[in-house]
PDB file of N, CA and C in Angstrom:
ATOM      1  N   MET A   1      -0.399 -28.502  37.139  1.00  0.00           N
ATOM      2  CA  MET A   1       0.773 -28.699  36.323  1.00  0.00           C
ATOM      3  C   MET A   1       1.799 -29.587  37.048  1.00  0.00           C
ATOM      4  N   SER A   2       1.761 -29.571  38.373  1.00  0.00           N
ATOM      5  CA  SER A   2       2.748 -30.361  39.118  1.00  0.00           C
ATOM      6  C   SER A   2       2.505 -31.862  38.997  1.00  0.00           C
ATOM      7  N   THR A   3       1.322 -32.285  38.566  1.00  0.00           N
ATOM      8  CA  THR A   3       1.022 -33.708  38.444  1.00  0.00           C
ATOM      9  C   THR A   3       1.427 -34.276  37.078  1.00  0.00           C
ATOM     10  N   ILE A   4       1.903 -33.449  36.186  1.00  0.00           N
ATOM     11  CA  ILE A   4       2.329 -33.924  34.860  1.00  0.00           C
ATOM     12  C   ILE A   4       3.611 -34.731  35.018  1.00  0.00           C
ATOM     13  N   THR A   5       3.615 -35.912  34.411  1.00  0.00           N
ATOM     14  CA  THR A   5       4.767 -36.805  34.557  1.00  0.00           C
ATOM     15  C   THR A   5       5.478 -37.076  33.236  1.00  0.00           C
ATOM     16  N   HIS A   6       4.931 -36.624  32.133  1.00  0.00           N
ATOM     17  CA  HIS A   6       5.560 -36.873  30.834  1.00  0.00           C
ATOM     18  C   HIS A   6       6.945 -36.217  30.827  1.00  0.00           C
ATOM     19  N   PRO A   7       8.005 -36.987  30.501  1.00  0.00           N
ATOM     20  CA  PRO A   7       9.381 -36.480  30.611  1.00  0.00           C
ATOM     21  C   PRO A   7       9.643 -35.208  29.787  1.00  0.00           C
ATOM     22  N   ALA A   8       9.152 -35.153  28.580  1.00  0.00           N
ATOM     23  CA  ALA A   8       9.414 -33.974  27.741  1.00  0.00           C
ATOM     24  C   ALA A   8       8.744 -32.734  28.322  1.00  0.00           C
ATOM     25  N   VAL A   9       7.528 -32.885  28.833  1.00  0.00           N
ATOM     26  CA  VAL A   9       6.806 -31.755  29.429  1.00  0.00           C
ATOM     27  C   VAL A   9       7.500 -31.324  30.717  1.00  0.00           C
ATOM     28  N   ARG A  10       7.910 -32.288  31.516  1.00  0.00           N
ATOM     29  CA  ARG A  10       8.626 -31.967  32.770  1.00  0.00           C
ATOM     30  C   ARG A  10       9.919 -31.207  32.461  1.00  0.00           C
ATOM     31  N   GLN A  11      10.648 -31.657  31.444  1.00  0.00           N
ATOM     32  CA  GLN A  11      11.895 -31.000  31.061  1.00  0.00           C
ATOM     33  C   GLN A  11      11.614 -29.560  30.611  1.00  0.00           C
ATOM     34  N   ALA A  12      10.570 -29.371  29.820  1.00  0.00           N
ATOM     35  CA  ALA A  12      10.219 -28.034  29.353  1.00  0.00           C
ATOM     36  C   ALA A  12       9.836 -27.136  30.530  1.00  0.00           C
ATOM     37  N   MET A  13       9.093 -27.690  31.481  1.00  0.00           N
ATOM     38  CA  MET A  13       8.694 -26.907  32.644  1.00  0.00           C
ATOM     39  C   MET A  13       9.914 -26.516  33.481  1.00  0.00           C
ATOM     40  N   GLU A  14      10.851 -27.428  33.629  1.00  0.00           N
ATOM     41  CA  GLU A  14      12.063 -27.130  34.390  1.00  0.00           C
ATOM     42  C   GLU A  14      12.887 -26.050  33.685  1.00  0.00           C
ATOM     43  N   GLU A  15      12.975 -26.147  32.368  1.00  0.00           N
ATOM     44  CA  GLU A  15      13.717 -25.140  31.587  1.00  0.00           C
ATOM     45  C   GLU A  15      13.056 -23.773  31.724  1.00  0.00           C
ATOM     46  N   LEU A  16      11.734 -23.743  31.675  1.00  0.00           N
ATOM     47  CA  LEU A  16      10.991 -22.499  31.840  1.00  0.00           C
ATOM     48  C   LEU A  16      11.237 -21.908  33.229  1.00  0.00           C
ATOM     49  N   GLN A  17      11.206 -22.748  34.227  1.00  0.00           N
ATOM     50  CA  GLN A  17      11.462 -22.295  35.598  1.00  0.00           C
ATOM     51  C   GLN A  17      12.878 -21.721  35.697  1.00  0.00           C
ATOM     52  N   HIS A  18      13.847 -22.415  35.109  1.00  0.00           N
ATOM     53  CA  HIS A  18      15.240 -21.959  35.131  1.00  0.00           C
ATOM     54  C   HIS A  18      15.378 -20.603  34.446  1.00  0.00           C
ATOM     55  N   LEU A  19      14.745 -20.464  33.259  1.00  0.00           N
ATOM     56  CA  LEU A  19      14.846 -19.208  32.523  1.00  0.00           C
ATOM     57  C   LEU A  19      14.158 -18.060  33.256  1.00  0.00           C
ATOM     58  N   SER A  20      13.035 -18.328  33.904  1.00  0.00           N
ATOM     59  CA  SER A  20      12.314 -17.260  34.596  1.00  0.00           C
ATOM     60  C   SER A  20      13.076 -16.773  35.826  1.00  0.00           C
ATOM     61  N   GLU A  21      13.977 -17.590  36.348  1.00  0.00           N
ATOM     62  CA  GLU A  21      14.794 -17.170  37.487  1.00  0.00           C
ATOM     63  C   GLU A  21      15.988 -16.339  37.042  1.00  0.00           C
ATOM     64  N   ASP A  22      16.335 -16.381  35.760  1.00  0.00           N
ATOM     65  CA  ASP A  22      17.506 -15.680  35.228  1.00  0.00           C
ATOM     66  C   ASP A  22      17.081 -14.297  34.720  1.00  0.00           C
ATOM     67  N   ALA A  23      17.547 -13.237  35.393  1.00  0.00           N
ATOM     68  CA  ALA A  23      17.156 -11.871  35.039  1.00  0.00           C
ATOM     69  C   ALA A  23      17.560 -11.520  33.611  1.00  0.00           C
ATOM     70  N   GLU A  24      18.732 -11.923  33.205  1.00  0.00           N
ATOM     71  CA  GLU A  24      19.199 -11.608  31.839  1.00  0.00           C
ATOM     72  C   GLU A  24      18.345 -12.331  30.800  1.00  0.00           C
ATOM     73  N   ALA A  25      17.966 -13.566  31.065  1.00  0.00           N
ATOM     74  CA  ALA A  25      17.102 -14.305  30.138  1.00  0.00           C
ATOM     75  C   ALA A  25      15.735 -13.639  30.047  1.00  0.00           C
ATOM     76  N   ARG A  26      15.207 -13.157  31.178  1.00  0.00           N
ATOM     77  CA  ARG A  26      13.918 -12.444  31.154  1.00  0.00           C
ATOM     78  C   ARG A  26      14.032 -11.160  30.346  1.00  0.00           C
ATOM     79  N   ARG A  27      15.138 -10.427  30.535  1.00  0.00           N
ATOM     80  CA  ARG A  27      15.343  -9.182  29.797  1.00  0.00           C
ATOM     81  C   ARG A  27      15.417  -9.457  28.296  1.00  0.00           C
ATOM     82  N   LEU A  28      16.166 -10.487  27.921  1.00  0.00           N
ATOM     83  CA  LEU A  28      16.296 -10.838  26.499  1.00  0.00           C
ATOM     84  C   LEU A  28      14.951 -11.277  25.918  1.00  0.00           C
ATOM     85  N   ALA A  29      14.182 -12.019  26.694  1.00  0.00           N
ATOM     86  CA  ALA A  29      12.859 -12.442  26.229  1.00  0.00           C
ATOM     87  C   ALA A  29      11.953 -11.230  26.027  1.00  0.00           C
ATOM     88  N   PHE A  30      12.032 -10.271  26.949  1.00  0.00           N
ATOM     89  CA  PHE A  30      11.245  -9.048  26.821  1.00  0.00           C
ATOM     90  C   PHE A  30      11.651  -8.263  25.575  1.00  0.00           C
ATOM     91  N   VAL A  31      12.948  -8.121  25.367  1.00  0.00           N
ATOM     92  CA  VAL A  31      13.453  -7.387  24.195  1.00  0.00           C
ATOM     93  C   VAL A  31      13.020  -8.084  22.907  1.00  0.00           C
ATOM     94  N   ARG A  32      13.121  -9.401  22.906  1.00  0.00           N
ATOM     95  CA  ARG A  32      12.716 -10.159  21.715  1.00  0.00           C
ATOM     96  C   ARG A  32      11.224  -9.996  21.447  1.00  0.00           C
ATOM     97  N   GLU A  33      10.419 -10.079  22.481  1.00  0.00           N
ATOM     98  CA  GLU A  33       8.956  -9.927  22.337  1.00  0.00           C
ATOM     99  C   GLU A  33       8.610  -8.542  21.816  1.00  0.00           C
ATOM    100  N   ARG A  34       9.288  -7.529  22.352  1.00  0.00           N
ATOM    101  CA  ARG A  34       9.045  -6.160  21.890  1.00  0.00           C
ATOM    102  C   ARG A  34       9.457  -6.002  20.429  1.00  0.00           C
ATOM    103  N   ALA A  35      10.575  -6.590  20.051  1.00  0.00           N
ATOM    104  CA  ALA A  35      11.029  -6.522  18.660  1.00  0.00           C
ATOM    105  C   ALA A  35      10.041  -7.216  17.725  1.00  0.00           C
ATOM    106  N   LEU A  36       9.503  -8.342  18.162  1.00  0.00           N
ATOM    107  CA  LEU A  36       8.507  -9.052  17.346  1.00  0.00           C
ATOM    108  C   LEU A  36       7.238  -8.208  17.172  1.00  0.00           C
ATOM    109  N   ARG A  37       6.799  -7.568  18.252  1.00  0.00           N
ATOM    110  CA  ARG A  37       5.612  -6.699  18.164  1.00  0.00           C
ATOM    111  C   ARG A  37       5.882  -5.509  17.259  1.00  0.00           C
ATOM    112  N   ASP A  38       7.085  -4.929  17.360  1.00  0.00           N
ATOM    113  CA  ASP A  38       7.444  -3.801  16.488  1.00  0.00           C
ATOM    114  C   ASP A  38       7.448  -4.227  15.026  1.00  0.00           C
ATOM    115  N   GLU A  39       7.967  -5.421  14.770  1.00  0.00           N
ATOM    116  CA  GLU A  39       8.009  -5.928  13.396  1.00  0.00           C
ATOM    117  C   GLU A  39       6.596  -6.115  12.846  1.00  0.00           C
ATOM    118  N   VAL A  40       5.714  -6.665  13.647  1.00  0.00           N
ATOM    119  CA  VAL A  40       4.320  -6.837  13.220  1.00  0.00           C
ATOM    120  C   VAL A  40       3.688  -5.485  12.949  1.00  0.00           C
ATOM    121  N   SER A  41       3.943  -4.522  13.815  1.00  0.00           N
ATOM    122  CA  SER A  41       3.390  -3.183  13.632  1.00  0.00           C
ATOM    123  C   SER A  41       3.909  -2.544  12.345  1.00  0.00           C
ATOM    124  N   LEU A  42       5.208  -2.674  12.095  1.00  0.00           N
ATOM    125  CA  LEU A  42       5.794  -2.130  10.860  1.00  0.00           C
ATOM    126  C   LEU A  42       5.209  -2.808   9.628  1.00  0.00           C
ATOM    127  N   MET A  43       5.027  -4.110   9.701  1.00  0.00           N
ATOM    128  CA  MET A  43       4.445  -4.835   8.562  1.00  0.00           C
ATOM    129  C   MET A  43       3.013  -4.380   8.307  1.00  0.00           C
ATOM    130  N   ASN A  44       2.241  -4.192   9.369  1.00  0.00           N
ATOM    131  CA  ASN A  44       0.863  -3.725   9.212  1.00  0.00           C
ATOM    132  C   ASN A  44       0.823  -2.321   8.614  1.00  0.00           C
ATOM    133  N   THR A  45       1.731  -1.466   9.063  1.00  0.00           N
ATOM    134  CA  THR A  45       1.811  -0.109   8.517  1.00  0.00           C
ATOM    135  C   THR A  45       2.191  -0.156   7.040  1.00  0.00           C
ATOM    136  N   ALA A  46       3.180  -0.955   6.699  1.00  0.00           N
ATOM    137  CA  ALA A  46       3.607  -1.074   5.300  1.00  0.00           C
ATOM    138  C   ALA A  46       2.484  -1.645   4.441  1.00  0.00           C
ATOM    139  N   ARG A  47       1.777  -2.612   4.963  1.00  0.00           N
ATOM    140  CA  ARG A  47       0.661  -3.221   4.228  1.00  0.00           C
ATOM    141  C   ARG A  47      -0.419  -2.175   3.956  1.00  0.00           C
ATOM    142  N   GLU A  48      -0.744  -1.376   4.970  1.00  0.00           N
ATOM    143  CA  GLU A  48      -1.769  -0.333   4.815  1.00  0.00           C
ATOM    144  C   GLU A  48      -1.315   0.732   3.817  1.00  0.00           C
ATOM    145  N   GLU A  49      -0.039   1.126   3.900  1.00  0.00           N
ATOM    146  CA  GLU A  49       0.481   2.109   2.949  1.00  0.00           C
ATOM    147  C   GLU A  49       0.442   1.555   1.532  1.00  0.00           C
ATOM    148  N   GLY A  50       0.779   0.287   1.374  1.00  0.00           N
ATOM    149  CA  GLY A  50       0.724  -0.343   0.058  1.00  0.00           C
ATOM    150  C   GLY A  50      -0.690  -0.410  -0.475  1.00  0.00           C
ATOM    151  N   ARG A  51      -1.625  -0.699   0.403  1.00  0.00           N
ATOM    152  CA  ARG A  51      -3.040  -0.747   0.011  1.00  0.00           C
ATOM    153  C   ARG A  51      -3.502   0.635  -0.452  1.00  0.00           C
ATOM    154  N   GLU A  52      -3.148   1.670   0.310  1.00  0.00           N
ATOM    155  CA  GLU A  52      -3.524   3.039  -0.058  1.00  0.00           C
ATOM    156  C   GLU A  52      -2.888   3.446  -1.380  1.00  0.00           C
ATOM    157  N   GLU A  53      -1.625   3.071  -1.562  1.00  0.00           N
ATOM    158  CA  GLU A  53      -0.933   3.388  -2.817  1.00  0.00           C
ATOM    159  C   GLU A  53      -1.612   2.681  -3.989  1.00  0.00           C
ATOM    160  N   GLY A  54      -1.992   1.441  -3.789  1.00  0.00           N
ATOM    161  CA  GLY A  54      -2.673   0.687  -4.845  1.00  0.00           C
ATOM    162  C   GLY A  54      -4.020   1.291  -5.196  1.00  0.00           C
ATOM    163  N   VAL A  55      -4.756   1.726  -4.189  1.00  0.00           N
ATOM    164  CA  VAL A  55      -6.045   2.373  -4.440  1.00  0.00           C
ATOM    165  C   VAL A  55      -5.824   3.667  -5.201  1.00  0.00           C
ATOM    166  N   GLY A  56      -4.831   4.446  -4.789  1.00  0.00           N
ATOM    167  CA  GLY A  56      -4.523   5.703  -5.482  1.00  0.00           C
ATOM    168  C   GLY A  56      -4.141   5.466  -6.935  1.00  0.00           C
ATOM    169  N   LEU A  57      -3.356   4.430  -7.174  1.00  0.00           N
ATOM    170  CA  LEU A  57      -2.961   4.105  -8.545  1.00  0.00           C
ATOM    171  C   LEU A  57      -4.176   3.687  -9.362  1.00  0.00           C
ATOM    172  N   GLY A  58      -5.061   2.916  -8.770  1.00  0.00           N
ATOM    173  CA  GLY A  58      -6.276   2.496  -9.466  1.00  0.00           C
ATOM    174  C   GLY A  58      -7.160   3.679  -9.822  1.00  0.00           C
ATOM    175  N   VAL A  59      -7.311   4.605  -8.888  1.00  0.00           N
ATOM    176  CA  VAL A  59      -8.104   5.810  -9.144  1.00  0.00           C
ATOM    177  C   VAL A  59      -7.483   6.603 -10.273  1.00  0.00           C
ATOM    178  N   ARG A  60      -6.166   6.756 -10.249  1.00  0.00           N
ATOM    179  CA  ARG A  60      -5.467   7.505 -11.285  1.00  0.00           C
ATOM    180  C   ARG A  60      -5.665   6.865 -12.654  1.00  0.00           C
ATOM    181  N   GLN A  61      -5.511   5.542 -12.707  1.00  0.00           N
ATOM    182  CA  GLN A  61      -5.671   4.833 -13.983  1.00  0.00           C
ATOM    183  C   GLN A  61      -7.103   4.936 -14.505  1.00  0.00           C
ATOM    184  N   GLU A  62      -8.076   4.857 -13.614  1.00  0.00           N
ATOM    185  CA  GLU A  62      -9.476   4.992 -14.029  1.00  0.00           C
ATOM    186  C   GLU A  62      -9.763   6.394 -14.540  1.00  0.00           C
ATOM    187  N   ARG A  63      -9.198   7.395 -13.882  1.00  0.00           N
ATOM    188  CA  ARG A  63      -9.396   8.776 -14.333  1.00  0.00           C
ATOM    189  C   ARG A  63      -8.752   8.979 -15.708  1.00  0.00           C
ATOM    190  N   GLU A  64      -7.569   8.407 -15.884  1.00  0.00           N
ATOM    191  CA  GLU A  64      -6.891   8.504 -17.196  1.00  0.00           C
ATOM    192  C   GLU A  64      -7.734   7.839 -18.275  1.00  0.00           C
ATOM    193  N   ALA A  65      -8.255   6.659 -18.006  1.00  0.00           N
ATOM    194  CA  ALA A  65      -9.059   5.932 -18.988  1.00  0.00           C
ATOM    195  C   ALA A  65     -10.342   6.693 -19.317  1.00  0.00           C
ATOM    196  N   ALA A  66     -10.979   7.277 -18.307  1.00  0.00           N
ATOM    197  CA  ALA A  66     -12.205   8.039 -18.545  1.00  0.00           C
ATOM    198  C   ALA A  66     -11.919   9.274 -19.390  1.00  0.00           C
ATOM    199  N   LEU A  67     -10.840   9.962 -19.097  1.00  0.00           N
ATOM    200  CA  LEU A  67     -10.474  11.143 -19.878  1.00  0.00           C
ATOM    201  C   LEU A  67     -10.171  10.771 -21.318  1.00  0.00           C
ATOM    202  N   LEU A  68      -9.433   9.711 -21.513  1.00  0.00           N
ATOM    203  CA  LEU A  68      -9.109   9.261 -22.862  1.00  0.00           C
ATOM    204  C   LEU A  68     -10.383   8.910 -23.632  1.00  0.00           C
ATOM    205  N   ARG A  69     -11.307   8.274 -22.971  1.00  0.00           N
ATOM    206  CA  ARG A  69     -12.579   7.925 -23.621  1.00  0.00           C
ATOM    207  C   ARG A  69     -13.353   9.176 -24.032  1.00  0.00           C
ATOM    208  N   ILE A  70     -13.411  10.157 -23.161  1.00  0.00           N
ATOM    209  CA  ILE A  70     -14.106  11.404 -23.503  1.00  0.00           C
ATOM    210  C   ILE A  70     -13.431  12.086 -24.683  1.00  0.00           C
ATOM    211  N   LEU A  71     -12.092  12.148 -24.644  1.00  0.00           N
ATOM    212  CA  LEU A  71     -11.358  12.784 -25.749  1.00  0.00           C
ATOM    213  C   LEU A  71     -11.638  12.068 -27.069  1.00  0.00           C
ATOM    214  N   GLU A  72     -11.634  10.735 -27.031  1.00  0.00           N
ATOM    215  CA  GLU A  72     -11.879   9.972 -28.257  1.00  0.00           C
ATOM    216  C   GLU A  72     -13.316  10.147 -28.757  1.00  0.00           C
ATOM    217  N   LEU A  73     -14.260  10.181 -27.868  1.00  0.00           N
ATOM    218  CA  LEU A  73     -15.657  10.353 -28.263  1.00  0.00           C
ATOM    219  C   LEU A  73     -15.913  11.742 -28.845  1.00  0.00           C
ATOM    220  N   LYS A  74     -15.273  12.742 -28.238  1.00  0.00           N
ATOM    221  CA  LYS A  74     -15.507  14.110 -28.701  1.00  0.00           C
ATOM    222  C   LYS A  74     -14.678  14.489 -29.921  1.00  0.00           C
ATOM    223  N   PHE A  75     -13.418  14.022 -29.970  1.00  0.00           N
ATOM    224  CA  PHE A  75     -12.491  14.534 -30.971  1.00  0.00           C
ATOM    225  C   PHE A  75     -11.911  13.473 -31.898  1.00  0.00           C
ATOM    226  N   GLY A  76     -12.280  12.227 -31.726  1.00  0.00           N
ATOM    227  CA  GLY A  76     -11.748  11.163 -32.562  1.00  0.00           C
ATOM    228  C   GLY A  76     -10.474  10.581 -31.984  1.00  0.00           C
ATOM    229  N   PRO A  77      -9.708   9.854 -32.813  1.00  0.00           N
ATOM    230  CA  PRO A  77      -8.488   9.199 -32.326  1.00  0.00           C
ATOM    231  C   PRO A  77      -7.521  10.186 -31.662  1.00  0.00           C
ATOM    232  N   VAL A  78      -6.984   9.766 -30.529  1.00  0.00           N
ATOM    233  CA  VAL A  78      -6.055  10.608 -29.765  1.00  0.00           C
ATOM    234  C   VAL A  78      -4.629  10.202 -30.114  1.00  0.00           C
ATOM    235  N   PRO A  79      -3.789  11.177 -30.523  1.00  0.00           N
ATOM    236  CA  PRO A  79      -2.403  10.865 -30.893  1.00  0.00           C
ATOM    237  C   PRO A  79      -1.617  10.239 -29.725  1.00  0.00           C
ATOM    238  N   ASP A  80      -0.614   9.438 -30.071  1.00  0.00           N
ATOM    239  CA  ASP A  80       0.210   8.777 -29.056  1.00  0.00           C
ATOM    240  C   ASP A  80       0.921   9.775 -28.150  1.00  0.00           C
ATOM    241  N   THR A  81       1.284  10.930 -28.674  1.00  0.00           N
ATOM    242  CA  THR A  81       1.969  11.935 -27.836  1.00  0.00           C
ATOM    243  C   THR A  81       1.060  12.398 -26.701  1.00  0.00           C
ATOM    244  N   ILE A  82      -0.224  12.556 -27.006  1.00  0.00           N
ATOM    245  CA  ILE A  82      -1.174  12.980 -25.968  1.00  0.00           C
ATOM    246  C   ILE A  82      -1.436  11.824 -25.004  1.00  0.00           C
ATOM    247  N   ARG A  83      -1.503  10.595 -25.514  1.00  0.00           N
ATOM    248  CA  ARG A  83      -1.653   9.436 -24.629  1.00  0.00           C
ATOM    249  C   ARG A  83      -0.483   9.363 -23.643  1.00  0.00           C
ATOM    250  N   GLY A  84       0.718   9.600 -24.136  1.00  0.00           N
ATOM    251  CA  GLY A  84       1.899   9.603 -23.276  1.00  0.00           C
ATOM    252  C   GLY A  84       1.834  10.696 -22.228  1.00  0.00           C
ATOM    253  N   MET A  85       1.342  11.862 -22.642  1.00  0.00           N
ATOM    254  CA  MET A  85       1.194  12.960 -21.699  1.00  0.00           C
ATOM    255  C   MET A  85       0.191  12.595 -20.599  1.00  0.00           C
ATOM    256  N   LEU A  86      -0.887  11.929 -20.980  1.00  0.00           N
ATOM    257  CA  LEU A  86      -1.883  11.520 -19.989  1.00  0.00           C
ATOM    258  C   LEU A  86      -1.300  10.496 -19.021  1.00  0.00           C
ATOM    259  N   ARG A  87      -0.465   9.574 -19.535  1.00  0.00           N
ATOM    260  CA  ARG A  87       0.139   8.551 -18.669  1.00  0.00           C
ATOM    261  C   ARG A  87       1.063   9.168 -17.621  1.00  0.00           C
ATOM    262  N   SER A  88       1.685  10.286 -17.968  1.00  0.00           N
ATOM    263  CA  SER A  88       2.623  10.900 -17.020  1.00  0.00           C
ATOM    264  C   SER A  88       1.980  11.999 -16.176  1.00  0.00           C
ATOM    265  N   ALA A  89       0.711  12.305 -16.416  1.00  0.00           N
ATOM    266  CA  ALA A  89       0.031  13.359 -15.663  1.00  0.00           C
ATOM    267  C   ALA A  89      -0.318  12.884 -14.257  1.00  0.00           C
ATOM    268  N   SER A  90      -0.329  13.834 -13.341  1.00  0.00           N
ATOM    269  CA  SER A  90      -0.722  13.517 -11.965  1.00  0.00           C
ATOM    270  C   SER A  90      -2.242  13.404 -11.882  1.00  0.00           C
ATOM    271  N   LEU A  91      -2.705  12.959 -10.751  1.00  0.00           N
ATOM    272  CA  LEU A  91      -4.138  12.824 -10.520  1.00  0.00           C
ATOM    273  C   LEU A  91      -4.834  14.182 -10.649  1.00  0.00           C
ATOM    274  N   ASP A  92      -4.245  15.210 -10.065  1.00  0.00           N
ATOM    275  CA  ASP A  92      -4.826  16.551 -10.144  1.00  0.00           C
ATOM    276  C   ASP A  92      -4.808  17.090 -11.569  1.00  0.00           C
ATOM    277  N   GLU A  93      -3.716  16.845 -12.282  1.00  0.00           N
ATOM    278  CA  GLU A  93      -3.638  17.295 -13.680  1.00  0.00           C
ATOM    279  C   GLU A  93      -4.704  16.605 -14.525  1.00  0.00           C
ATOM    280  N   LEU A  94      -4.921  15.318 -14.283  1.00  0.00           N
ATOM    281  CA  LEU A  94      -5.962  14.603 -15.027  1.00  0.00           C
ATOM    282  C   LEU A  94      -7.337  15.189 -14.742  1.00  0.00           C
ATOM    283  N   LEU A  95      -7.585  15.565 -13.500  1.00  0.00           N
ATOM    284  CA  LEU A  95      -8.866  16.167 -13.149  1.00  0.00           C
ATOM    285  C   LEU A  95      -9.059  17.501 -13.872  1.00  0.00           C
ATOM    286  N   GLN A  96      -8.012  18.307 -13.931  1.00  0.00           N
ATOM    287  CA  GLN A  96      -8.086  19.591 -14.646  1.00  0.00           C
ATOM    288  C   GLN A  96      -8.329  19.364 -16.141  1.00  0.00           C
ATOM    289  N   LEU A  97      -7.632  18.383 -16.724  1.00  0.00           N
ATOM    290  CA  LEU A  97      -7.831  18.075 -18.146  1.00  0.00           C
ATOM    291  C   LEU A  97      -9.246  17.542 -18.393  1.00  0.00           C
ATOM    292  N   PHE A  98      -9.744  16.775 -17.452  1.00  0.00           N
ATOM    293  CA  PHE A  98     -11.100  16.239 -17.544  1.00  0.00           C
ATOM    294  C   PHE A  98     -12.104  17.388 -17.637  1.00  0.00           C
ATOM    295  N   ASP A  99     -11.955  18.379 -16.750  1.00  0.00           N
ATOM    296  CA  ASP A  99     -12.844  19.550 -16.770  1.00  0.00           C
ATOM    297  C   ASP A  99     -12.736  20.300 -18.091  1.00  0.00           C
ATOM    298  N   LYS A 100     -11.507  20.484 -18.570  1.00  0.00           N
ATOM    299  CA  LYS A 100     -11.303  21.168 -19.859  1.00  0.00           C
ATOM    300  C   LYS A 100     -11.952  20.388 -20.993  1.00  0.00           C
ATOM    301  N   ALA A 101     -11.820  19.067 -20.958  1.00  0.00           N
ATOM    302  CA  ALA A 101     -12.361  18.231 -22.028  1.00  0.00           C
ATOM    303  C   ALA A 101     -13.877  18.355 -22.115  1.00  0.00           C
ATOM    304  N   LEU A 102     -14.520  18.496 -20.989  1.00  0.00           N
ATOM    305  CA  LEU A 102     -15.975  18.608 -20.984  1.00  0.00           C
ATOM    306  C   LEU A 102     -16.444  19.929 -21.600  1.00  0.00           C
ATOM    307  N   ARG A 103     -15.620  20.975 -21.493  1.00  0.00           N
ATOM    308  CA  ARG A 103     -15.991  22.292 -22.006  1.00  0.00           C
ATOM    309  C   ARG A 103     -15.469  22.572 -23.415  1.00  0.00           C
ATOM    310  N   ALA A 104     -14.453  21.863 -23.842  1.00  0.00           N
ATOM    311  CA  ALA A 104     -13.755  22.182 -25.094  1.00  0.00           C
ATOM    312  C   ALA A 104     -14.545  21.759 -26.323  1.00  0.00           C
ATOM    313  N   SER A 105     -14.291  22.497 -27.407  1.00  0.00           N
ATOM    314  CA  SER A 105     -14.880  22.123 -28.695  1.00  0.00           C
ATOM    315  C   SER A 105     -13.810  21.566 -29.633  1.00  0.00           C
ATOM    316  N   GLN A 106     -12.527  21.712 -29.226  1.00  0.00           N
ATOM    317  CA  GLN A 106     -11.408  21.167 -30.005  1.00  0.00           C
ATOM    318  C   GLN A 106     -10.371  20.578 -29.037  1.00  0.00           C
ATOM    319  N   LEU A 107      -9.642  19.592 -29.533  1.00  0.00           N
ATOM    320  CA  LEU A 107      -8.639  18.928 -28.705  1.00  0.00           C
ATOM    321  C   LEU A 107      -7.568  19.904 -28.226  1.00  0.00           C
ATOM    322  N   ASP A 108      -7.212  20.865 -29.073  1.00  0.00           N
ATOM    323  CA  ASP A 108      -6.184  21.850 -28.685  1.00  0.00           C
ATOM    324  C   ASP A 108      -6.577  22.651 -27.450  1.00  0.00           C
ATOM    325  N   GLU A 109      -7.875  22.852 -27.237  1.00  0.00           N
ATOM    326  CA  GLU A 109      -8.340  23.597 -26.071  1.00  0.00           C
ATOM    327  C   GLU A 109      -8.111  22.796 -24.784  1.00  0.00           C
ATOM    328  N   VAL A 110      -8.057  21.502 -24.899  1.00  0.00           N
ATOM    329  CA  VAL A 110      -7.832  20.646 -23.732  1.00  0.00           C
ATOM    330  C   VAL A 110      -6.343  20.557 -23.428  1.00  0.00           C
ATOM    331  N   ILE A 111      -5.577  20.245 -24.454  1.00  0.00           N
ATOM    332  CA  ILE A 111      -4.155  19.961 -24.278  1.00  0.00           C
ATOM    333  C   ILE A 111      -3.316  21.228 -24.303  1.00  0.00           C
ATOM    334  N   GLY A 112      -3.766  22.224 -25.042  1.00  0.00           N
ATOM    335  CA  GLY A 112      -3.020  23.474 -25.120  1.00  0.00           C
ATOM    336  C   GLY A 112      -1.815  23.392 -26.027  1.00  0.00           C
ATOM    337  N   THR A 113      -1.899  22.582 -27.094  1.00  0.00           N
ATOM    338  CA  THR A 113      -0.779  22.469 -28.033  1.00  0.00           C
ATOM    339  C   THR A 113      -0.847  23.511 -29.098  1.00  0.00           C
TER     340      THR A 113
END
């Protein structure tokens, strides 16, 4: 590196040497590097949480669609009030309704209206 003569590179090397001799500049560089790593870690965590949330939403929507299809096949057209109830049901509630739908002979036995 000492044989490099290009003025811009020499200037950068001198600046680097100057900064590395300054304890406060080293401390600030360390703090900045740590903050950048923390930010990357937080972004990766948020990305993973978003991915998991998206998968959960997809599973929920698929379960809702499957339940609606079973209800329609077994009992005919499903009223909008029941469709709304299915849209607001949790994943576990949809699973319970799914089980009821498979055993029921009437829509009222599934929904409990």
